[in-house]
PDB file of N, CA and C in Angstrom:
ATOM      1  N   MET A   1      16.962-103.051  12.595  1.00  0.00           N
ATOM      2  CA  MET A   1      15.583-101.995  12.413  1.00  0.00           C
ATOM      3  C   MET A   1      15.915-100.734  12.183  1.00  0.00           C
ATOM      4  N   ASP A   2      15.450 -99.633  11.626  1.00  0.00           N
ATOM      5  CA  ASP A   2      15.519 -98.371  11.424  1.00  0.00           C
ATOM      6  C   ASP A   2      15.008 -97.634  12.566  1.00  0.00           C
ATOM      7  N   ALA A   3      16.524 -96.314  12.899  1.00  0.00           N
ATOM      8  CA  ALA A   3      15.673 -95.237  13.837  1.00  0.00           C
ATOM      9  C   ALA A   3      14.914 -94.560  13.417  1.00  0.00           C
ATOM     10  N   ILE A   4      13.959 -94.165  14.476  1.00  0.00           N
ATOM     11  CA  ILE A   4      12.456 -93.308  14.546  1.00  0.00           C
ATOM     12  C   ILE A   4      13.601 -91.378  14.323  1.00  0.00           C
ATOM     13  N   PRO A   5      13.162 -91.113  13.075  1.00  0.00           N
ATOM     14  CA  PRO A   5      13.718 -89.728  13.207  1.00  0.00           C
ATOM     15  C   PRO A   5      13.132 -88.950  14.047  1.00  0.00           C
ATOM     16  N   GLU A   6      14.521 -87.778  14.443  1.00  0.00           N
ATOM     17  CA  GLU A   6      14.135 -86.790  15.726  1.00  0.00           C
ATOM     18  C   GLU A   6      13.397 -85.903  14.832  1.00  0.00           C
ATOM     19  N   TYR A   7      12.013 -86.177  14.938  1.00  0.00           N
ATOM     20  CA  TYR A   7      11.134 -84.737  14.622  1.00  0.00           C
ATOM     21  C   TYR A   7      11.240 -83.722  15.642  1.00  0.00           C
ATOM     22  N   GLU A   8      11.368 -82.510  14.553  1.00  0.00           N
ATOM     23  CA  GLU A   8      10.975 -81.049  16.103  1.00  0.00           C
ATOM     24  C   GLU A   8       9.646 -80.783  15.899  1.00  0.00           C
ATOM     25  N   PHE A   9       8.610 -81.311  16.889  1.00  0.00           N
ATOM     26  CA  PHE A   9       6.998 -80.683  16.759  1.00  0.00           C
ATOM     27  C   PHE A   9       6.865 -79.255  16.857  1.00  0.00           C
ATOM     28  N   VAL A  10       5.950 -78.844  16.401  1.00  0.00           N
ATOM     29  CA  VAL A  10       5.544 -77.448  16.856  1.00  0.00           C
ATOM     30  C   VAL A  10       4.026 -77.484  16.632  1.00  0.00           C
ATOM     31  N   SER A  11       3.426 -76.656  17.613  1.00  0.00           N
ATOM     32  CA  SER A  11       2.001 -76.766  17.738  1.00  0.00           C
ATOM     33  C   SER A  11       1.820 -74.834  17.374  1.00  0.00           C
ATOM     34  N   ALA A  12       0.331 -74.991  16.380  1.00  0.00           N
ATOM     35  CA  ALA A  12       0.140 -73.933  16.258  1.00  0.00           C
ATOM     36  C   ALA A  12      -0.250 -72.523  17.298  1.00  0.00           C
ATOM     37  N   ALA A  13       0.143 -71.414  17.014  1.00  0.00           N
ATOM     38  CA  ALA A  13      -0.056 -70.316  17.933  1.00  0.00           C
ATOM     39  C   ALA A  13      -1.133 -70.283  18.860  1.00  0.00           C
ATOM     40  N   ALA A  14      -2.626 -70.661  18.300  1.00  0.00           N
ATOM     41  CA  ALA A  14      -3.550 -71.138  19.364  1.00  0.00           C
ATOM     42  C   ALA A  14      -3.507 -72.419  20.099  1.00  0.00           C
ATOM     43  N   CYS A  15      -2.286 -72.652  19.730  1.00  0.00           N
ATOM     44  CA  CYS A  15      -2.511 -74.181  21.186  1.00  0.00           C
ATOM     45  C   CYS A  15      -1.400 -73.936  21.554  1.00  0.00           C
ATOM     46  N   ARG A  16      -0.688 -73.349  21.700  1.00  0.00           N
ATOM     47  CA  ARG A  16       0.193 -72.898  22.959  1.00  0.00           C
ATOM     48  C   ARG A  16      -0.034 -72.645  24.079  1.00  0.00           C
ATOM     49  N   ASP A  17      -1.631 -72.405  24.330  1.00  0.00           N
ATOM     50  CA  ASP A  17      -2.185 -71.543  25.388  1.00  0.00           C
ATOM     51  C   ASP A  17      -2.195 -73.090  26.556  1.00  0.00           C
ATOM     52  N   LYS A  18      -1.881 -72.924  27.417  1.00  0.00           N
ATOM     53  CA  LYS A  18      -2.082 -74.406  28.339  1.00  0.00           C
ATOM     54  C   LYS A  18      -3.520 -74.476  28.756  1.00  0.00           C
ATOM     55  N   LYS A  19      -4.628 -73.644  28.547  1.00  0.00           N
ATOM     56  CA  LYS A  19      -5.904 -73.994  28.769  1.00  0.00           C
ATOM     57  C   LYS A  19      -6.395 -75.026  27.085  1.00  0.00           C
ATOM     58  N   VAL A  20      -5.616 -75.116  26.133  1.00  0.00           N
ATOM     59  CA  VAL A  20      -6.176 -75.696  24.937  1.00  0.00           C
ATOM     60  C   VAL A  20      -5.586 -77.419  24.882  1.00  0.00           C
ATOM     61  N   GLY A  21      -6.591 -78.258  24.800  1.00  0.00           N
ATOM     62  CA  GLY A  21      -5.941 -79.605  24.964  1.00  0.00           C
ATOM     63  C   GLY A  21      -5.344 -80.168  24.193  1.00  0.00           C
ATOM     64  N   ASN A  22      -5.974 -80.758  23.236  1.00  0.00           N
ATOM     65  CA  ASN A  22      -5.724 -81.611  22.371  1.00  0.00           C
ATOM     66  C   ASN A  22      -5.653 -80.646  20.531  1.00  0.00           C
ATOM     67  N   CYS A  23      -3.587 -80.890  20.265  1.00  0.00           N
ATOM     68  CA  CYS A  23      -3.785 -79.863  19.177  1.00  0.00           C
ATOM     69  C   CYS A  23      -2.773 -80.488  18.334  1.00  0.00           C
ATOM     70  N   PRO A  24      -2.925 -80.530  16.842  1.00  0.00           N
ATOM     71  CA  PRO A  24      -2.487 -81.096  15.720  1.00  0.00           C
ATOM     72  C   PRO A  24      -0.864 -80.561  15.769  1.00  0.00           C
ATOM     73  N   GLN A  25       0.489 -81.244  16.082  1.00  0.00           N
ATOM     74  CA  GLN A  25       1.091 -81.103  15.668  1.00  0.00           C
ATOM     75  C   GLN A  25       2.264 -81.281  14.627  1.00  0.00           C
ATOM     76  N   VAL A  26       2.912 -80.224  13.761  1.00  0.00           N
ATOM     77  CA  VAL A  26       3.957 -80.235  12.784  1.00  0.00           C
ATOM     78  C   VAL A  26       5.432 -80.181  13.029  1.00  0.00           C
ATOM     79  N   ALA A  27       6.037 -81.157  12.305  1.00  0.00           N
ATOM     80  CA  ALA A  27       7.675 -81.347  12.315  1.00  0.00           C
ATOM     81  C   ALA A  27       7.638 -80.969  10.395  1.00  0.00           C
ATOM     82  N   VAL A  28       8.772 -79.688  10.009  1.00  0.00           N
ATOM     83  CA  VAL A  28       9.406 -80.075   9.031  1.00  0.00           C
ATOM     84  C   VAL A  28      10.917 -79.988   9.158  1.00  0.00           C
ATOM     85  N   ASN A  29      11.316 -80.455  10.087  1.00  0.00           N
ATOM     86  CA  ASN A  29      12.927 -80.270  10.008  1.00  0.00           C
ATOM     87  C   ASN A  29      13.709 -81.174   9.199  1.00  0.00           C
ATOM     88  N   LEU A  30      13.259 -81.913   8.785  1.00  0.00           N
ATOM     89  CA  LEU A  30      13.874 -83.304   7.999  1.00  0.00           C
ATOM     90  C   LEU A  30      13.630 -82.805   6.534  1.00  0.00           C
ATOM     91  N   PRO A  31      14.475 -82.851   5.939  1.00  0.00           N
ATOM     92  CA  PRO A  31      14.083 -82.558   4.519  1.00  0.00           C
ATOM     93  C   PRO A  31      13.806 -83.576   3.588  1.00  0.00           C
ATOM     94  N   GLY A  32      12.345 -83.104   3.287  1.00  0.00           N
ATOM     95  CA  GLY A  32      11.400 -83.840   2.154  1.00  0.00           C
ATOM     96  C   GLY A  32      10.567 -84.814   3.074  1.00  0.00           C
ATOM     97  N   VAL A  33      10.605 -84.530   4.263  1.00  0.00           N
ATOM     98  CA  VAL A  33       9.582 -85.103   5.097  1.00  0.00           C
ATOM     99  C   VAL A  33       8.462 -83.556   5.920  1.00  0.00           C
ATOM    100  N   VAL A  34       7.124 -84.125   5.737  1.00  0.00           N
ATOM    101  CA  VAL A  34       6.332 -83.115   6.793  1.00  0.00           C
ATOM    102  C   VAL A  34       5.660 -84.449   7.620  1.00  0.00           C
ATOM    103  N   ALA A  35       5.727 -84.298   9.398  1.00  0.00           N
ATOM    104  CA  ALA A  35       5.290 -85.280   9.944  1.00  0.00           C
ATOM    105  C   ALA A  35       3.981 -84.626  10.827  1.00  0.00           C
ATOM    106  N   LEU A  36       3.142 -85.219  10.971  1.00  0.00           N
ATOM    107  CA  LEU A  36       2.122 -84.879  11.588  1.00  0.00           C
ATOM    108  C   LEU A  36       2.010 -85.726  12.394  1.00  0.00           C
ATOM    109  N   ARG A  37       1.140 -85.243  13.476  1.00  0.00           N
ATOM    110  CA  ARG A  37       0.763 -85.707  15.273  1.00  0.00           C
ATOM    111  C   ARG A  37      -0.260 -85.138  16.173  1.00  0.00           C
ATOM    112  N   ASP A  38      -0.435 -86.051  16.690  1.00  0.00           N
ATOM    113  CA  ASP A  38      -1.945 -85.247  17.472  1.00  0.00           C
ATOM    114  C   ASP A  38      -1.285 -85.312  19.266  1.00  0.00           C
ATOM    115  N   SER A  39      -0.949 -84.101  19.528  1.00  0.00           N
ATOM    116  CA  SER A  39      -0.539 -83.819  21.224  1.00  0.00           C
ATOM    117  C   SER A  39      -1.103 -84.856  22.059  1.00  0.00           C
ATOM    118  N   GLU A  40      -2.654 -85.561  21.951  1.00  0.00           N
ATOM    119  CA  GLU A  40      -2.931 -86.436  22.947  1.00  0.00           C
ATOM    120  C   GLU A  40      -2.415 -88.386  22.664  1.00  0.00           C
ATOM    121  N   ARG A  41      -2.046 -87.913  21.302  1.00  0.00           N
ATOM    122  CA  ARG A  41      -1.579 -89.711  20.841  1.00  0.00           C
ATOM    123  C   ARG A  41      -0.136 -89.433  20.135  1.00  0.00           C
ATOM    124  N   PRO A  42       1.024 -88.820  20.475  1.00  0.00           N
ATOM    125  CA  PRO A  42       2.406 -88.458  20.244  1.00  0.00           C
ATOM    126  C   PRO A  42       3.071 -89.469  19.617  1.00  0.00           C
ATOM    127  N   GLU A  43       2.556 -91.172  20.076  1.00  0.00           N
ATOM    128  CA  GLU A  43       3.167 -92.327  19.364  1.00  0.00           C
ATOM    129  C   GLU A  43       2.813 -92.333  18.156  1.00  0.00           C
ATOM    130  N   THR A  44       1.542 -92.092  17.577  1.00  0.00           N
ATOM    131  CA  THR A  44       0.951 -92.002  16.088  1.00  0.00           C
ATOM    132  C   THR A  44       1.735 -90.925  15.249  1.00  0.00           C
ATOM    133  N   ILE A  45       2.545 -91.086  14.597  1.00  0.00           N
ATOM    134  CA  ILE A  45       3.073 -90.034  13.683  1.00  0.00           C
ATOM    135  C   ILE A  45       2.586 -89.981  11.695  1.00  0.00           C
ATOM    136  N   VAL A  46       2.247 -89.352  11.169  1.00  0.00           N
ATOM    137  CA  VAL A  46       1.850 -89.620  10.001  1.00  0.00           C
ATOM    138  C   VAL A  46       2.886 -88.715   9.186  1.00  0.00           C
ATOM    139  N   THR A  47       3.463 -89.212   8.135  1.00  0.00           N
ATOM    140  CA  THR A  47       4.184 -88.201   7.298  1.00  0.00           C
ATOM    141  C   THR A  47       3.966 -88.230   5.984  1.00  0.00           C
ATOM    142  N   MET A  48       4.616 -87.047   5.311  1.00  0.00           N
ATOM    143  CA  MET A  48       3.982 -86.965   3.680  1.00  0.00           C
ATOM    144  C   MET A  48       5.141 -86.089   3.469  1.00  0.00           C
ATOM    145  N   THR A  49       5.171 -85.788   1.822  1.00  0.00           N
ATOM    146  CA  THR A  49       5.939 -85.196   1.374  1.00  0.00           C
ATOM    147  C   THR A  49       5.546 -83.542   1.298  1.00  0.00           C
ATOM    148  N   PRO A  50       6.463 -82.745   1.033  1.00  0.00           N
ATOM    149  CA  PRO A  50       5.920 -81.504   1.066  1.00  0.00           C
ATOM    150  C   PRO A  50       4.926 -81.390   0.482  1.00  0.00           C
ATOM    151  N   ASP A  51       4.971 -81.744  -0.753  1.00  0.00           N
ATOM    152  CA  ASP A  51       4.147 -81.327  -2.288  1.00  0.00           C
ATOM    153  C   ASP A  51       2.548 -82.040  -1.947  1.00  0.00           C
ATOM    154  N   GLN A  52       2.581 -82.951  -0.900  1.00  0.00           N
ATOM    155  CA  GLN A  52       1.357 -83.809   0.083  1.00  0.00           C
ATOM    156  C   GLN A  52       1.030 -82.506   0.966  1.00  0.00           C
ATOM    157  N   TRP A  53       1.783 -81.919   1.526  1.00  0.00           N
ATOM    158  CA  TRP A  53       1.417 -80.712   2.491  1.00  0.00           C
ATOM    159  C   TRP A  53       0.590 -79.752   1.955  1.00  0.00           C
ATOM    160  N   VAL A  54       1.545 -79.357   0.883  1.00  0.00           N
ATOM    161  CA  VAL A  54       0.711 -78.546   0.375  1.00  0.00           C
ATOM    162  C   VAL A  54      -0.637 -78.384  -0.304  1.00  0.00           C
ATOM    163  N   THR A  55      -0.758 -79.830  -1.030  1.00  0.00           N
ATOM    164  CA  THR A  55      -2.228 -80.570  -1.247  1.00  0.00           C
ATOM    165  C   THR A  55      -2.967 -80.409   0.038  1.00  0.00           C
ATOM    166  N   LEU A  56      -2.693 -80.630   0.888  1.00  0.00           N
ATOM    167  CA  LEU A  56      -3.481 -80.800   2.094  1.00  0.00           C
ATOM    168  C   LEU A  56      -3.529 -79.833   2.392  1.00  0.00           C
ATOM    169  N   THR A  57      -3.014 -78.575   2.816  1.00  0.00           N
ATOM    170  CA  THR A  57      -3.128 -77.334   3.757  1.00  0.00           C
ATOM    171  C   THR A  57      -4.082 -76.705   2.221  1.00  0.00           C
ATOM    172  N   ASP A  58      -4.180 -76.570   1.058  1.00  0.00           N
ATOM    173  CA  ASP A  58      -4.816 -75.676   0.043  1.00  0.00           C
ATOM    174  C   ASP A  58      -6.197 -76.195   0.749  1.00  0.00           C
ATOM    175  N   ALA A  59      -6.058 -77.276   0.804  1.00  0.00           N
ATOM    176  CA  ALA A  59      -8.116 -77.924   0.424  1.00  0.00           C
ATOM    177  C   ALA A  59      -8.196 -77.192   1.960  1.00  0.00           C
ATOM    178  N   VAL A  60      -7.559 -77.672   2.900  1.00  0.00           N
ATOM    179  CA  VAL A  60      -8.266 -77.235   4.131  1.00  0.00           C
ATOM    180  C   VAL A  60      -8.260 -75.521   3.728  1.00  0.00           C
ATOM    181  N   LYS A  61      -7.741 -74.827   3.531  1.00  0.00           N
ATOM    182  CA  LYS A  61      -7.932 -73.276   3.284  1.00  0.00           C
ATOM    183  C   LYS A  61      -9.688 -73.403   2.674  1.00  0.00           C
ATOM    184  N   ALA A  62      -9.438 -73.902   1.268  1.00  0.00           N
ATOM    185  CA  ALA A  62     -10.646 -73.530   0.446  1.00  0.00           C
ATOM    186  C   ALA A  62     -11.894 -74.476   1.288  1.00  0.00           C
ATOM    187  N   GLY A  63     -11.576 -74.789   2.418  1.00  0.00           N
ATOM    188  CA  GLY A  63     -12.589 -75.815   2.880  1.00  0.00           C
ATOM    189  C   GLY A  63     -13.575 -76.904   2.517  1.00  0.00           C
ATOM    190  N   GLU A  64     -12.965 -77.553   1.960  1.00  0.00           N
ATOM    191  CA  GLU A  64     -12.749 -78.922   1.425  1.00  0.00           C
ATOM    192  C   GLU A  64     -13.006 -79.936   2.677  1.00  0.00           C
ATOM    193  N   PHE A  65     -12.687 -79.529   4.156  1.00  0.00           N
ATOM    194  CA  PHE A  65     -12.812 -80.637   5.200  1.00  0.00           C
ATOM    195  C   PHE A  65     -13.129 -79.411   6.397  1.00  0.00           C
ATOM    196  N   ASP A  66     -14.438 -78.487   5.987  1.00  0.00           N
ATOM    197  CA  ASP A  66     -14.744 -78.004   6.905  1.00  0.00           C
ATOM    198  C   ASP A  66     -15.955 -78.813   7.593  1.00  0.00           C
ATOM    199  N   LEU A  67     -15.684 -79.151   8.731  1.00  0.00           N
ATOM    200  CA  LEU A  67     -16.491 -79.610   9.439  1.00  0.00           C
ATOM    201  C   LEU A  67     -18.142 -78.797  10.269  1.00  0.00           C
ATOM    202  N   SER A  68     -18.072 -77.929   9.961  1.00  0.00           N
ATOM    203  CA  SER A  68     -19.169 -76.849  10.241  1.00  0.00           C
ATOM    204  C   SER A  68     -20.005 -76.783   9.513  1.00  0.00           C
ATOM    205  N   ALA A  69     -20.634 -76.995   7.904  1.00  0.00           N
ATOM    206  CA  ALA A  69     -20.926 -77.171   7.055  1.00  0.00           C
ATOM    207  C   ALA A  69     -21.937 -78.639   7.197  1.00  0.00           C
TER     208      ALA A  69
END
């Protein structure tokens, strides 16, 4: 069985307030891997390549996943 990588997850500055509940967390400490998890479900980790991360963040910035619309 492969060992689980040692991801170093961080939260966005807005999520560091103790009053904020769940927040997405990102780890970029391993070369070639971006890992994501929800702070309320830290056992579930989604990984992608840095190129996929750029595609995702560009889409978010462009409003493709705007839930307020």
